[in-house]
Amino acid sequence: MSGLILKQLNESDIERLLSLRMEVLAHVFAAAKERMAPERWAALREENRAYYAAALRAGEHIAVVAEIGGETVGCGGVCLYREMPSPDNENGLCAYLMNVYTRRPYRRRGVAEAVCRRLIGEAKAAGAKKIYLETSAGAKELYRSLGFSEMKDYFILEEENND
């Protein structure tokens, strides 16, 4: 996309990161946000602040924003973590691609793809041998085009939400 600039953010950008993160959460979890008391939403914001402060400092999170003409049009992040080493991941370093989001007027114009390619490159440069993500149905084709495939035989145990 012409004029697209990707910027990596750091600890000094926490307010910007928080604003984008809460925008993404409000989009993805719109129904849950409507049911949440405002103080719980504020507490969630503070939990995200604490996460960013610790993870950015430790090099466990890489955050990127996409800009066109100085306007933020998208974002994304990758969390780096270790799992037990195994034959398919001998160093145990994994990356979880997350928070990939493009603002509505800029969708389907290559923003998310550019953000993902940058974050995948950063994760690989850090030594990650496995990169995971969760996706919406609408973004599956993007991730397939980047080389991701669907995982089988995975389960999740979710805490019951008593909103």
Protein backbone atom coordinates (compact mmCIF):
# COMPACT_ATOMS: atom_id res chain seq x y z
CA MET A 1 0.00 0.00 0.00
CA SER A 2 1.39 3.35 -1.02
CA GLY A 3 2.49 5.61 1.80
CA LEU A 4 2.22 2.91 4.47
CA ILE A 5 4.77 3.25 7.27
CA LEU A 6 5.24 0.63 9.99
CA LYS A 7 6.63 1.76 13.34
CA GLN A 8 7.72 -0.41 16.24
CA LEU A 9 6.52 0.99 19.54
CA ASN A 10 8.27 0.82 22.91
CA GLU A 11 7.74 1.62 26.59
CA SER A 12 7.45 5.34 25.90
CA ASP A 13 4.43 4.58 23.68
CA ILE A 14 2.32 2.80 26.32
CA GLU A 15 -0.56 5.31 26.18
CA ARG A 16 -0.79 4.89 22.41
CA LEU A 17 -0.60 1.11 22.75
CA LEU A 18 -3.32 1.13 25.41
CA SER A 19 -5.60 3.24 23.27
CA LEU A 20 -5.19 0.87 20.32
CA ARG A 21 -5.53 -2.24 22.48
CA MET A 22 -8.78 -1.03 24.00
CA GLU A 23 -10.08 -0.13 20.53
CA VAL A 24 -9.30 -3.66 19.34
CA LEU A 25 -10.92 -5.22 22.41
CA ALA A 26 -14.02 -3.06 21.99
CA HIS A 27 -14.28 -4.24 18.39
CA VAL A 28 -13.63 -7.95 19.01
CA PHE A 29 -15.53 -8.19 22.30
CA ALA A 30 -18.30 -5.65 21.63
CA ALA A 31 -21.02 -7.71 23.34
CA ALA A 32 -18.84 -8.41 26.39
CA LYS A 33 -17.89 -4.74 26.68
CA GLU A 34 -21.57 -3.76 26.69
CA ARG A 35 -22.18 -6.10 29.65
CA MET A 36 -19.14 -4.94 31.60
CA ALA A 37 -19.37 -2.30 34.26
CA PRO A 38 -17.24 0.75 33.37
CA GLU A 39 -14.95 0.10 36.35
CA ARG A 40 -14.21 -3.42 35.05
CA TRP A 41 -13.35 -2.00 31.61
CA ALA A 42 -11.04 0.52 33.33
CA ALA A 43 -9.45 -2.30 35.36
CA LEU A 44 -8.89 -4.26 32.14
CA ARG A 45 -7.12 -1.23 30.70
CA GLU A 46 -4.85 -1.11 33.76
CA GLU A 47 -4.08 -4.84 33.43
CA ASN A 48 -3.06 -4.17 29.84
CA ARG A 49 -0.89 -1.26 31.02
CA ALA A 50 0.90 -3.57 33.46
CA TYR A 51 1.33 -6.20 30.74
CA TYR A 52 2.86 -3.73 28.27
CA ALA A 53 5.17 -2.20 30.87
CA ALA A 54 6.59 -5.58 31.90
CA ALA A 55 6.56 -7.34 28.53
CA LEU A 56 8.09 -4.48 26.53
CA ARG A 57 10.81 -4.03 29.15
CA ALA A 58 11.60 -7.77 29.08
CA GLY A 59 11.56 -8.02 25.28
CA GLU A 60 8.57 -10.37 25.43
CA HIS A 61 6.26 -8.24 23.29
CA ILE A 62 6.78 -6.48 19.98
CA ALA A 63 4.17 -3.91 18.95
CA VAL A 64 3.81 -2.31 15.54
CA VAL A 65 1.53 0.42 14.26
CA ALA A 66 0.72 1.16 10.64
CA GLU A 67 0.42 4.79 9.56
CA ILE A 68 -0.55 6.57 6.40
CA GLY A 69 0.12 10.29 6.28
CA GLY A 70 0.68 10.35 10.03
CA GLU A 71 -2.70 8.71 10.74
CA THR A 72 -2.80 5.39 12.58
CA VAL A 73 -4.61 2.90 10.33
CA GLY A 74 -3.72 -0.43 11.96
CA CYS A 75 -1.67 -2.27 14.51
CA GLY A 76 -0.48 -5.65 15.68
CA GLY A 77 1.66 -7.37 18.25
CA VAL A 78 3.55 -10.53 18.90
CA CYS A 79 4.13 -12.07 22.32
CA LEU A 80 7.30 -14.09 22.72
CA TYR A 81 7.37 -16.92 25.23
CA ARG A 82 9.07 -20.23 25.95
CA GLU A 83 7.48 -23.63 26.03
CA MET A 84 9.24 -26.89 26.78
CA PRO A 85 11.66 -27.67 23.93
CA SER A 86 10.63 -30.52 21.65
CA PRO A 87 11.72 -32.04 18.35
CA ASP A 88 9.49 -29.61 16.45
CA ASN A 89 10.74 -26.62 18.46
CA GLU A 90 14.17 -27.37 19.85
CA ASN A 91 14.75 -23.98 21.49
CA GLY A 92 11.19 -23.77 22.83
CA LEU A 93 10.75 -20.14 21.76
CA CYS A 94 7.24 -19.42 20.47
CA ALA A 95 5.45 -16.35 19.26
CA TYR A 96 1.77 -15.54 19.55
CA LEU A 97 0.63 -13.13 16.87
CA MET A 98 -2.18 -11.00 18.22
CA ASN A 99 -4.03 -7.70 18.17
CA VAL A 100 -3.78 -7.49 14.37
CA TYR A 101 -6.32 -4.84 13.49
CA THR A 102 -7.03 -2.46 10.65
CA ARG A 103 -9.41 0.44 10.99
CA ARG A 104 -12.46 0.02 8.78
CA PRO A 105 -11.68 2.56 6.01
CA TYR A 106 -8.31 0.89 5.36
CA ARG A 107 -9.34 -2.77 5.32
CA ARG A 108 -8.57 -5.02 2.34
CA ARG A 109 -5.74 -2.73 1.25
CA GLY A 110 -2.73 -4.68 2.56
CA VAL A 111 -2.33 -3.06 5.96
CA ALA A 112 -2.83 -6.24 8.02
CA GLU A 113 -0.60 -8.22 5.68
CA ALA A 114 2.22 -5.68 6.03
CA VAL A 115 1.84 -5.64 9.83
CA CYS A 116 1.85 -9.44 9.96
CA ARG A 117 4.91 -9.77 7.71
CA ARG A 118 6.81 -7.31 9.90
CA LEU A 119 5.82 -9.09 13.13
CA ILE A 120 6.59 -12.54 11.70
CA GLY A 121 10.01 -11.25 10.66
CA GLU A 122 10.63 -9.82 14.14
CA ALA A 123 9.55 -13.08 15.79
CA LYS A 124 11.81 -15.15 13.56
CA ALA A 125 14.71 -12.74 14.15
CA ALA A 126 14.18 -13.23 17.90
CA GLY A 127 14.52 -16.99 17.36
CA ALA A 128 10.89 -18.11 17.50
CA LYS A 129 10.42 -21.46 15.78
CA LYS A 130 6.63 -21.62 16.20
CA ILE A 131 4.21 -18.79 15.57
CA TYR A 132 0.59 -19.17 16.64
CA LEU A 133 -2.51 -17.04 16.31
CA GLU A 134 -6.28 -17.00 16.74
CA THR A 135 -8.36 -15.54 13.95
CA SER A 136 -11.79 -14.49 12.87
CA ALA A 137 -13.40 -16.24 9.93
CA GLY A 138 -12.87 -13.16 7.78
CA ALA A 139 -9.09 -13.15 8.22
CA LYS A 140 -8.40 -16.85 7.62
CA GLU A 141 -7.48 -16.31 3.98
CA LEU A 142 -4.93 -13.65 4.93
CA TYR A 143 -3.21 -16.01 7.34
CA ARG A 144 -3.26 -18.88 4.86
CA SER A 145 -1.62 -16.58 2.30
CA LEU A 146 1.15 -15.92 4.84
CA GLY A 147 1.81 -19.65 5.25
CA PHE A 148 -0.24 -20.43 8.34
CA SER A 149 -2.30 -23.60 8.50
CA GLU A 150 -5.10 -24.56 10.85
CA MET A 151 -4.09 -26.62 13.88
CA LYS A 152 -5.92 -29.78 14.77
CA ASP A 153 -6.42 -31.51 18.07
CA TYR A 154 -6.27 -28.40 20.23
CA PHE A 155 -8.68 -27.64 23.04
CA ILE A 156 -9.14 -24.68 25.32
CA LEU A 157 -10.47 -24.56 28.87
CA GLU A 158 -12.08 -21.19 29.41
CA GLU A 159 -13.05 -19.74 32.73
CA GLU A 160 -16.78 -19.28 33.03
CA ASN A 161 -17.62 -15.63 32.66
CA ASN A 162 -20.12 -14.40 35.24
CA ASP A 163 -20.80 -10.91 33.90
